[in-house]
C-alpha atoms as a PDB file:
ATOM      1  CA  MET A   1     110.806 103.221 108.961  1.00  0.00           C
ATOM      2  CA  ALA A   2     108.110 103.813 106.367  1.00  0.00           C
ATOM      3  CA  LYS A   3     109.049 103.994 102.700  1.00  0.00           C
ATOM      4  CA  ARG A   4     109.293 107.502 101.372  1.00  0.00           C
ATOM      5  CA  SER A   5     107.284 108.243  98.263  1.00  0.00           C
ATOM      6  CA  ASN A   6     105.784 110.979  96.129  1.00  0.00           C
ATOM      7  CA  HIS A   7     102.217 111.053  94.860  1.00  0.00           C
ATOM      8  CA  VAL A   8     100.630 112.761  91.838  1.00  0.00           C
ATOM      9  CA  VAL A   9      97.060 113.427  92.992  1.00  0.00           C
ATOM     10  CA  PRO A  10      94.108 115.520  91.807  1.00  0.00           C
ATOM     11  CA  SER A  11      93.870 118.897  93.521  1.00  0.00           C
ATOM     12  CA  LYS A  12      90.575 119.447  95.300  1.00  0.00           C
ATOM     13  CA  GLU A  13      91.023 123.204  95.727  1.00  0.00           C
ATOM     14  CA  LYS A  14      92.287 124.221  92.310  1.00  0.00           C
ATOM     15  CA  GLY A  15      90.952 121.512  90.016  1.00  0.00           C
ATOM     16  CA  GLY A  16      94.411 120.670  88.660  1.00  0.00           C
ATOM     17  CA  TRP A  17      97.047 118.221  89.878  1.00  0.00           C
ATOM     18  CA  THR A  18      99.529 118.314  92.741  1.00  0.00           C
ATOM     19  CA  VAL A  19     102.668 116.425  93.715  1.00  0.00           C
ATOM     20  CA  LYS A  20     102.804 115.532  97.418  1.00  0.00           C
ATOM     21  CA  LYS A  21     105.271 113.662  99.588  1.00  0.00           C
ATOM     22  CA  SER A  22     103.809 110.735 101.525  1.00  0.00           C
ATOM     23  CA  GLY A  23     102.397 111.829 104.872  1.00  0.00           C
ATOM     24  CA  SER A  24     102.405 115.503 103.907  1.00  0.00           C
ATOM     25  CA  THR A  25      99.337 117.709 103.869  1.00  0.00           C
ATOM     26  CA  ARG A  26     100.942 120.411 101.720  1.00  0.00           C
ATOM     27  CA  ALA A  27     101.710 120.019  98.037  1.00  0.00           C
ATOM     28  CA  SER A  28     105.292 120.181  96.776  1.00  0.00           C
ATOM     29  CA  GLN A  29     103.998 121.787  93.587  1.00  0.00           C
ATOM     30  CA  SER A  30     100.678 122.314  91.751  1.00  0.00           C
ATOM     31  CA  PHE A  31      99.967 122.032  88.024  1.00  0.00           C
ATOM     32  CA  ASP A  32      97.075 122.600  85.636  1.00  0.00           C
ATOM     33  CA  ARG A  33      97.862 119.483  83.576  1.00  0.00           C
ATOM     34  CA  LYS A  34      98.464 115.937  84.812  1.00  0.00           C
ATOM     35  CA  GLU A  35     101.318 115.433  82.323  1.00  0.00           C
ATOM     36  CA  ASP A  36     103.257 118.321  83.862  1.00  0.00           C
ATOM     37  CA  ALA A  37     102.704 116.981  87.383  1.00  0.00           C
ATOM     38  CA  VAL A  38     103.886 113.490  86.360  1.00  0.00           C
ATOM     39  CA  LYS A  39     107.023 114.930  84.739  1.00  0.00           C
ATOM     40  CA  PHE A  40     107.852 116.929  87.886  1.00  0.00           C
ATOM     41  CA  GLY A  41     107.068 113.932  90.122  1.00  0.00           C
ATOM     42  CA  ARG A  42     109.384 111.662  88.108  1.00  0.00           C
ATOM     43  CA  GLU A  43     112.249 114.152  88.294  1.00  0.00           C
ATOM     44  CA  LEU A  44     111.710 114.617  92.040  1.00  0.00           C
ATOM     45  CA  SER A  45     111.519 110.875  92.692  1.00  0.00           C
ATOM     46  CA  ARG A  46     114.664 110.190  90.646  1.00  0.00           C
ATOM     47  CA  LYS A  47     116.535 112.860  92.599  1.00  0.00           C
ATOM     48  CA  GLU A  48     115.286 111.571  95.968  1.00  0.00           C
ATOM     49  CA  LYS A  49     115.456 107.861  94.937  1.00  0.00           C
ATOM     50  CA  THR A  50     111.850 107.255  96.042  1.00  0.00           C
ATOM     51  CA  GLU A  51     108.658 105.627  94.739  1.00  0.00           C
ATOM     52  CA  LEU A  52     106.238 107.620  92.574  1.00  0.00           C
ATOM     53  CA  TYR A  53     102.514 106.876  92.719  1.00  0.00           C
ATOM     54  CA  ILE A  54     100.354 108.339  89.955  1.00  0.00           C
ATOM     55  CA  HIS A  55      96.673 108.532  90.886  1.00  0.00           C
ATOM     56  CA  LYS A  56      93.559 108.741  88.712  1.00  0.00           C
ATOM     57  CA  LYS A  57      91.018 111.556  88.986  1.00  0.00           C
ATOM     58  CA  ASP A  58      88.973 109.404  91.419  1.00  0.00           C
ATOM     59  CA  GLY A  59      92.010 108.954  93.697  1.00  0.00           C
ATOM     60  CA  ARG A  60      92.807 105.313  92.881  1.00  0.00           C
ATOM     61  CA  ILE A  61      96.386 104.420  91.953  1.00  0.00           C
ATOM     62  CA  GLN A  62      96.870 104.326  88.182  1.00  0.00           C
ATOM     63  CA  ASP A  63     100.619 103.632  87.995  1.00  0.00           C
ATOM     64  CA  ARG A  64     103.623 103.199  90.252  1.00  0.00           C
ATOM     65  CA  ASN A  65     107.322 103.636  89.517  1.00  0.00           C
ATOM     66  CA  SER A  66     110.354 102.984  91.682  1.00  0.00           C
ATOM     67  CA  TYR A  67     113.427 105.163  91.399  1.00  0.00           C
ATOM     68  CA  GLY A  68     115.158 103.859  94.530  1.00  0.00           C
ATOM     69  CA  LYS A  69     117.178 100.805  95.357  1.00  0.00           C
ATOM     70  CA  ASP A  70     115.033  97.872  94.350  1.00  0.00           C
ATOM     71  CA  PRO A  71     115.834  94.448  95.793  1.00  0.00           C
ATOM     72  CA  PHE A  72     117.493  92.158  93.288  1.00  0.00           C
ATOM     73  CA  PRO A  73     116.213  89.604  92.632  1.00  0.00           C
ATOM     74  CA  PRO A  74     112.737  91.062  93.136  1.00  0.00           C
ATOM     75  CA  LYS A  75     110.510  89.524  95.806  1.00  0.00           C
ATOM     76  CA  GLY A  76     107.530  87.488  94.648  1.00  0.00           C
END
């Protein structure tokens, strides 16, 4: 089973930012500001206990946060 996650990505249609679930083509929610999208994504990921990936404007991953059950001790 693939890990579930949420992604904060730039919106191509509207020019703002969207929060999407991994593997989904539709956005969970759209925002004008990145800060608002990150805040919503964090709350959603905490509630769902999933990973949150925050992307840059060019699409590369800027930051990643885990709100699920992390292995302890961490691998690596």
